Amino acid sequence: MLANYESINQLIDRLNSLNIFEGNVSAKKLKLGMNNETYLLSDNNNKYVAKIGSALVDFQRTRLHEIEATKAGNIANIAPKVIYYEKEIAVFEYIKSSALTTREIKQKNTLQKIVSLIKTVHKEVTKYFTQPPLISWYFCSITESIKILKNKNTIYVDRLDQLFEESKILEEATGYHEIVFTHNDMVGANILNDGKKLWLIDWEFSGYNFAILDLANLSKNNQFDEEEDDFILEEYFSNLISLSLRYNFEAMKSAALLRETMWSMLAEIKSKNDFDYKSYTDKIYARYKKQLDYFKSLK
């Protein structure tokens, strides 16, 4: 178990002490997240979703930021309601829905809805986010992760200087774009379909960044091809894609994979989750090098 709960019964006792449920609550683990554990809760009349986990300080994130971003998303009608929050427990409204698969995401009608959802994040959520803003800047995250990994004498120490140099090249190649509030974790598991509309969950990596970030993140998480990339870019920008925008976009996709590689390297030594981060690092690093080679071919 994460946090301070050694058994599910201990967790249930803590939940029952919160006085936010109608009758005794039961809990069923939904998944082992890469940052936290998630449970489906049930009381006499309702269902909820609970995330159990401590702050993500080593990953430059805070749980409070996630909660405030989710609240803003809820006001914008694209995120669930926050029912309760404390240091290591967050309880959210349960939305009867299913997470999108990569196959579903790649359907053009679904992609149109996802791009519209991204536009809502960028244009509407920022209106309701009232806490001090966090910059979700990949290149700062990469630099900080490299510092921590060097101090921890990681097994990847021989790669770090080269990765740092590559990040600087990618940062320059990303260019300059509109800065907006971004979700920053556009993976299918975070996009819910209730049969009528799409919702976004898991806002812990959200923050201000370039508008193309969420598009690049969506592409790299679902391994889009060039045609699919052009489709989402044209849907978002409502015009034909210039060569310079395509170049910036491929740089951001490369940076997204590099940032995820660094995150996984760091998780290998920092996370308490029962997850094979080493295999994940190897997989994402290989994807990053392939994407980087493609980006370099565009020059």
Protein backbone atom coordinates (compact mmCIF):
# COMPACT_ATOMS: atom_id res chain seq x y z
CA MET A 1 0.00 0.00 0.00
CA LEU A 2 1.03 3.58 -0.52
CA ALA A 3 1.11 6.30 2.10
CA ASN A 4 0.58 5.21 5.72
CA TYR A 5 -1.92 2.38 5.14
CA GLU A 6 -0.61 -1.14 5.56
CA SER A 7 -3.84 -2.88 4.54
CA ILE A 8 -7.06 -2.10 2.73
CA ASN A 9 -8.95 -2.51 6.02
CA GLN A 10 -6.82 0.23 7.57
CA LEU A 11 -7.60 2.44 4.60
CA ILE A 12 -11.34 1.72 4.89
CA ASP A 13 -11.25 2.60 8.60
CA ARG A 14 -9.67 5.93 7.72
CA LEU A 15 -12.24 6.60 5.01
CA ASN A 16 -15.14 5.79 7.33
CA SER A 17 -13.77 8.29 9.84
CA LEU A 18 -14.12 11.15 7.34
CA ASN A 19 -17.93 11.42 7.74
CA ILE A 20 -18.48 12.14 4.05
CA PHE A 21 -20.17 8.86 3.20
CA GLU A 22 -23.69 7.53 3.77
CA GLY A 23 -23.13 4.39 5.83
CA ASN A 24 -19.97 2.31 5.80
CA VAL A 25 -17.80 2.49 2.72
CA SER A 26 -16.28 -0.38 0.77
CA ALA A 27 -13.22 -0.12 -1.48
CA LYS A 28 -12.08 -2.00 -4.56
CA LYS A 29 -8.71 -1.34 -6.16
CA LEU A 30 -9.15 -0.15 -9.74
CA LYS A 31 -5.55 -0.03 -10.85
CA LEU A 32 -2.02 0.44 -9.65
CA GLY A 33 -1.18 3.84 -10.99
CA MET A 34 2.38 4.83 -11.73
CA ASN A 35 2.10 7.64 -9.17
CA ASN A 36 -0.66 6.45 -6.82
CA GLU A 37 -3.25 3.77 -6.09
CA THR A 38 -6.84 4.25 -7.24
CA TYR A 39 -9.94 2.74 -5.62
CA LEU A 40 -13.62 2.56 -6.45
CA LEU A 41 -15.54 3.40 -3.27
CA SER A 42 -19.18 2.55 -2.55
CA ASP A 43 -21.45 3.58 0.31
CA ASN A 44 -25.19 3.02 0.77
CA ASN A 45 -26.18 5.24 -2.16
CA ASN A 46 -23.22 6.43 -4.22
CA LYS A 47 -19.91 5.56 -5.80
CA TYR A 48 -16.69 7.56 -5.65
CA VAL A 49 -13.10 7.32 -6.83
CA ALA A 50 -10.25 7.68 -4.33
CA LYS A 51 -6.59 8.31 -5.10
CA ILE A 52 -4.15 7.36 -2.37
CA GLY A 53 -0.63 8.72 -2.50
CA SER A 54 1.71 11.34 -1.15
CA ALA A 55 2.96 14.52 -2.81
CA LEU A 56 5.08 14.19 -5.94
CA VAL A 57 7.80 16.58 -4.80
CA ASP A 58 10.58 14.67 -6.56
CA PHE A 59 8.61 14.98 -9.79
CA GLN A 60 8.06 18.74 -9.37
CA ARG A 61 4.33 18.31 -8.66
CA THR A 62 2.03 18.82 -5.69
CA ARG A 63 -1.28 17.12 -4.85
CA LEU A 64 -2.83 20.47 -3.96
CA HIS A 65 -2.19 21.69 -7.49
CA GLU A 66 -3.92 18.59 -8.87
CA ILE A 67 -6.95 19.23 -6.66
CA GLU A 68 -7.24 22.89 -7.63
CA ALA A 69 -6.83 22.07 -11.32
CA THR A 70 -9.52 19.39 -11.05
CA LYS A 71 -11.84 21.90 -9.37
CA ALA A 72 -11.27 24.35 -12.22
CA GLY A 73 -11.89 21.58 -14.73
CA ASN A 74 -15.11 20.69 -12.95
CA ILE A 75 -16.39 24.27 -13.21
CA ALA A 76 -15.53 24.07 -16.93
CA ASN A 77 -17.64 20.87 -17.01
CA ILE A 78 -14.85 18.54 -18.14
CA ALA A 79 -13.57 17.07 -14.84
CA PRO A 80 -15.22 15.26 -11.90
CA LYS A 81 -16.16 17.05 -8.69
CA VAL A 82 -13.68 16.95 -5.80
CA ILE A 83 -15.51 15.48 -2.80
CA TYR A 84 -12.70 15.52 -0.24
CA TYR A 85 -8.97 16.14 -0.05
CA GLU A 86 -6.25 15.79 2.55
CA LYS A 87 -2.52 15.15 2.36
CA GLU A 88 -2.62 11.54 1.11
CA ILE A 89 -6.30 11.00 0.23
CA ALA A 90 -8.36 12.53 -2.55
CA VAL A 91 -11.98 11.51 -3.17
CA PHE A 92 -13.67 12.38 -6.44
CA GLU A 93 -17.11 12.08 -7.96
CA TYR A 94 -17.56 8.78 -9.81
CA ILE A 95 -18.45 9.18 -13.48
CA LYS A 96 -20.02 6.12 -15.08
CA SER A 97 -17.85 5.85 -18.17
CA SER A 98 -15.08 3.97 -19.91
CA ALA A 99 -11.53 5.10 -20.62
CA LEU A 100 -10.66 5.54 -24.28
CA THR A 101 -8.47 2.95 -25.96
CA THR A 102 -5.82 3.93 -28.49
CA ARG A 103 -7.96 2.39 -31.22
CA GLU A 104 -10.91 4.59 -30.21
CA ILE A 105 -8.71 7.67 -29.93
CA LYS A 106 -7.47 7.23 -33.51
CA GLN A 107 -11.01 7.41 -34.94
CA LYS A 108 -11.44 10.82 -36.58
CA ASN A 109 -14.76 11.65 -34.94
CA THR A 110 -13.24 10.88 -31.54
CA LEU A 111 -10.11 12.87 -32.35
CA GLN A 112 -12.28 15.86 -33.18
CA LYS A 113 -13.91 15.59 -29.74
CA ILE A 114 -10.53 15.25 -28.04
CA VAL A 115 -9.16 18.34 -29.80
CA SER A 116 -12.30 20.22 -28.72
CA LEU A 117 -11.67 18.99 -25.17
CA ILE A 118 -8.10 20.24 -25.34
CA LYS A 119 -9.33 23.64 -26.49
CA THR A 120 -11.62 23.77 -23.45
CA VAL A 121 -8.64 23.06 -21.19
CA HIS A 122 -6.65 25.82 -22.87
CA LYS A 123 -9.38 28.47 -23.05
CA GLU A 124 -11.75 27.79 -20.16
CA VAL A 125 -9.98 26.01 -17.28
CA THR A 126 -7.55 28.90 -16.84
CA LYS A 127 -10.52 31.16 -16.03
CA TYR A 128 -11.28 29.13 -12.90
CA PHE A 129 -7.81 28.14 -11.71
CA THR A 130 -7.19 30.44 -8.73
CA GLN A 131 -4.05 29.05 -7.10
CA PRO A 132 -0.50 30.29 -7.79
CA PRO A 133 0.26 28.92 -11.26
CA LEU A 134 2.71 26.12 -11.91
CA ILE A 135 4.73 26.09 -15.10
CA SER A 136 4.60 22.61 -16.57
CA TRP A 137 7.78 23.21 -18.55
CA TYR A 138 9.35 19.99 -19.76
CA PHE A 139 12.83 21.40 -20.05
CA CYS A 140 12.94 22.58 -16.44
CA SER A 141 11.66 19.16 -15.37
CA ILE A 142 14.33 17.42 -17.45
CA THR A 143 17.10 19.61 -16.00
CA GLU A 144 15.93 19.09 -12.41
CA SER A 145 15.59 15.33 -12.93
CA ILE A 146 19.14 15.16 -14.27
CA LYS A 147 20.45 16.98 -11.17
CA ILE A 148 18.65 14.56 -8.85
CA LEU A 149 19.78 11.50 -10.82
CA LYS A 150 23.40 12.62 -10.73
CA ASN A 151 23.22 13.12 -6.97
CA LYS A 152 21.73 9.65 -6.58
CA ASN A 153 24.44 8.10 -8.78
CA THR A 154 21.88 6.50 -11.07
CA ILE A 155 22.78 3.59 -13.35
CA TYR A 156 22.11 5.97 -16.24
CA VAL A 157 24.77 8.48 -15.20
CA ASP A 158 26.76 7.95 -18.42
CA ARG A 159 23.74 9.09 -20.49
CA LEU A 160 22.81 12.20 -18.58
CA ASP A 161 25.16 14.78 -20.11
CA GLN A 162 24.14 13.73 -23.61
CA LEU A 163 20.44 13.88 -22.69
CA PHE A 164 20.93 17.35 -21.25
CA GLU A 165 22.55 18.56 -24.47
CA GLU A 166 19.73 17.05 -26.52
CA SER A 167 17.14 18.77 -24.33
CA LYS A 168 18.73 22.14 -25.05
CA ILE A 169 18.56 21.48 -28.79
CA LEU A 170 14.90 20.50 -28.48
CA GLU A 171 14.07 23.52 -26.33
CA GLU A 172 15.42 25.87 -29.00
CA ALA A 173 13.67 23.94 -31.78
CA THR A 174 10.29 24.08 -30.03
CA GLY A 175 10.04 27.76 -30.93
CA TYR A 176 7.60 30.20 -29.32
CA HIS A 177 3.87 29.61 -29.05
CA GLU A 178 0.84 30.78 -27.11
CA ILE A 179 1.12 29.91 -23.41
CA VAL A 180 -2.04 28.32 -22.03
CA PHE A 181 -3.16 26.09 -19.17
CA THR A 182 -2.42 22.49 -20.26
CA HIS A 183 -3.45 19.07 -18.94
CA ASN A 184 -0.11 17.53 -19.86
CA ASP A 185 -1.10 13.85 -19.53
CA MET A 186 -3.27 13.09 -22.55
CA VAL A 187 -3.20 9.31 -22.24
CA GLY A 188 -6.31 7.25 -23.00
CA ALA A 189 -6.74 6.17 -19.39
CA ASN A 190 -7.29 9.83 -18.46
CA ILE A 191 -9.95 10.49 -21.11
CA LEU A 192 -13.35 9.14 -20.09
CA ASN A 193 -16.36 8.64 -22.36
CA ASP A 194 -19.77 8.58 -20.63
CA GLY A 195 -21.61 7.98 -23.89
CA LYS A 196 -22.51 11.64 -24.30
CA LYS A 197 -19.29 13.57 -23.73
CA LEU A 198 -15.63 13.27 -22.81
CA TRP A 199 -14.10 14.00 -19.40
CA LEU A 200 -10.51 14.49 -18.22
CA ILE A 201 -9.10 13.07 -14.99
CA ASP A 202 -5.65 13.00 -13.32
CA TRP A 203 -4.58 16.64 -13.47
CA GLU A 204 -1.40 16.31 -11.38
CA PHE A 205 0.94 17.22 -14.26
CA SER A 206 -1.16 20.14 -15.48
CA GLY A 207 0.17 23.68 -15.65
CA TYR A 208 1.03 26.50 -18.01
CA ASN A 209 2.88 25.62 -21.19
CA PHE A 210 2.77 26.03 -24.97
CA ALA A 211 -0.53 25.11 -26.61
CA ILE A 212 1.15 22.45 -28.78
CA LEU A 213 2.18 20.51 -25.66
CA ASP A 214 -1.14 18.70 -25.18
CA LEU A 215 -1.27 17.88 -28.90
CA ALA A 216 2.28 16.51 -28.84
CA ASN A 217 1.48 14.61 -25.66
CA LEU A 218 -1.64 13.07 -27.24
CA SER A 219 0.40 12.05 -30.27
CA LYS A 220 3.30 10.47 -28.39
CA ASN A 221 1.04 8.63 -25.93
CA ASN A 222 -0.89 7.02 -28.77
CA GLN A 223 1.96 6.74 -31.28
CA PHE A 224 0.22 8.72 -34.03
CA ASP A 225 1.45 8.56 -37.59
CA GLU A 226 2.06 11.65 -39.76
CA GLU A 227 -1.50 11.71 -41.09
CA GLU A 228 -2.97 11.62 -37.58
CA ASP A 229 -0.58 14.35 -36.45
CA ASP A 230 -1.65 16.56 -39.35
CA PHE A 231 -5.29 15.92 -38.52
CA ILE A 232 -5.07 17.10 -34.89
CA LEU A 233 -2.89 20.09 -35.80
CA GLU A 234 -5.33 21.20 -38.49
CA GLU A 235 -8.30 20.63 -36.14
CA TYR A 236 -6.67 22.75 -33.45
CA PHE A 237 -5.25 25.56 -35.58
CA SER A 238 -8.01 25.50 -38.25
CA ASN A 239 -5.61 25.86 -41.15
CA LEU A 240 -2.98 24.07 -43.18
CA ILE A 241 0.13 23.20 -41.22
CA SER A 242 3.33 25.11 -41.97
CA LEU A 243 6.70 23.41 -42.09
CA SER A 244 7.87 25.46 -39.12
CA LEU A 245 4.91 24.36 -36.97
CA ARG A 246 5.50 20.74 -37.94
CA TYR A 247 9.18 21.13 -36.95
CA ASN A 248 8.22 22.70 -33.60
CA PHE A 249 5.67 19.94 -33.03
CA GLU A 250 8.17 17.13 -33.67
CA ALA A 251 10.62 18.82 -31.30
CA MET A 252 7.93 18.93 -28.60
CA LYS A 253 7.07 15.26 -29.20
CA SER A 254 10.75 14.42 -28.74
CA ALA A 255 10.85 16.51 -25.55
CA ALA A 256 7.73 14.75 -24.26
CA LEU A 257 9.37 11.36 -24.67
CA LEU A 258 12.60 12.63 -23.11
CA ARG A 259 10.71 14.02 -20.13
CA GLU A 260 8.91 10.70 -19.70
CA THR A 261 12.23 8.87 -19.91
CA MET A 262 13.64 11.08 -17.16
CA TRP A 263 10.50 10.62 -15.08
CA SER A 264 10.84 6.83 -15.30
CA MET A 265 14.55 6.90 -14.47
CA LEU A 266 13.71 8.95 -11.41
CA ALA A 267 10.81 6.67 -10.47
CA GLU A 268 13.20 3.71 -10.46
CA ILE A 269 14.90 5.13 -7.38
CA LYS A 270 12.12 7.25 -5.86
CA SER A 271 8.80 5.44 -6.29
CA LYS A 272 7.49 2.92 -3.76
CA ASN A 273 5.02 1.41 -6.23
CA ASP A 274 5.25 -2.23 -7.23
CA PHE A 275 5.91 -1.46 -10.89
CA ASP A 276 8.68 -2.48 -13.29
CA TYR A 277 10.04 1.00 -13.95
CA LYS A 278 13.31 -0.36 -15.40
CA SER A 279 11.48 -2.07 -18.27
CA TYR A 280 9.38 1.04 -18.76
CA THR A 281 12.50 3.22 -18.90
CA ASP A 282 14.04 0.98 -21.54
CA LYS A 283 10.87 1.06 -23.66
CA ILE A 284 10.37 4.83 -23.50
CA TYR A 285 14.07 5.56 -24.02
CA ALA A 286 14.02 3.47 -27.21
CA ARG A 287 10.97 5.38 -28.44
CA TYR A 288 12.66 8.67 -27.58
CA LYS A 289 15.79 7.81 -29.59
CA LYS A 290 13.65 6.79 -32.59
CA GLN A 291 11.63 10.01 -32.37
CA LEU A 292 14.80 12.09 -31.94
CA ASP A 293 16.29 10.53 -35.09
CA TYR A 294 13.13 11.39 -37.00
CA PHE A 295 13.21 14.95 -35.68
CA LYS A 296 16.85 15.35 -36.74
CA SER A 297 15.95 14.12 -40.25
CA LEU A 298 13.66 17.13 -40.68
CA LYS A 299 16.52 19.64 -40.74
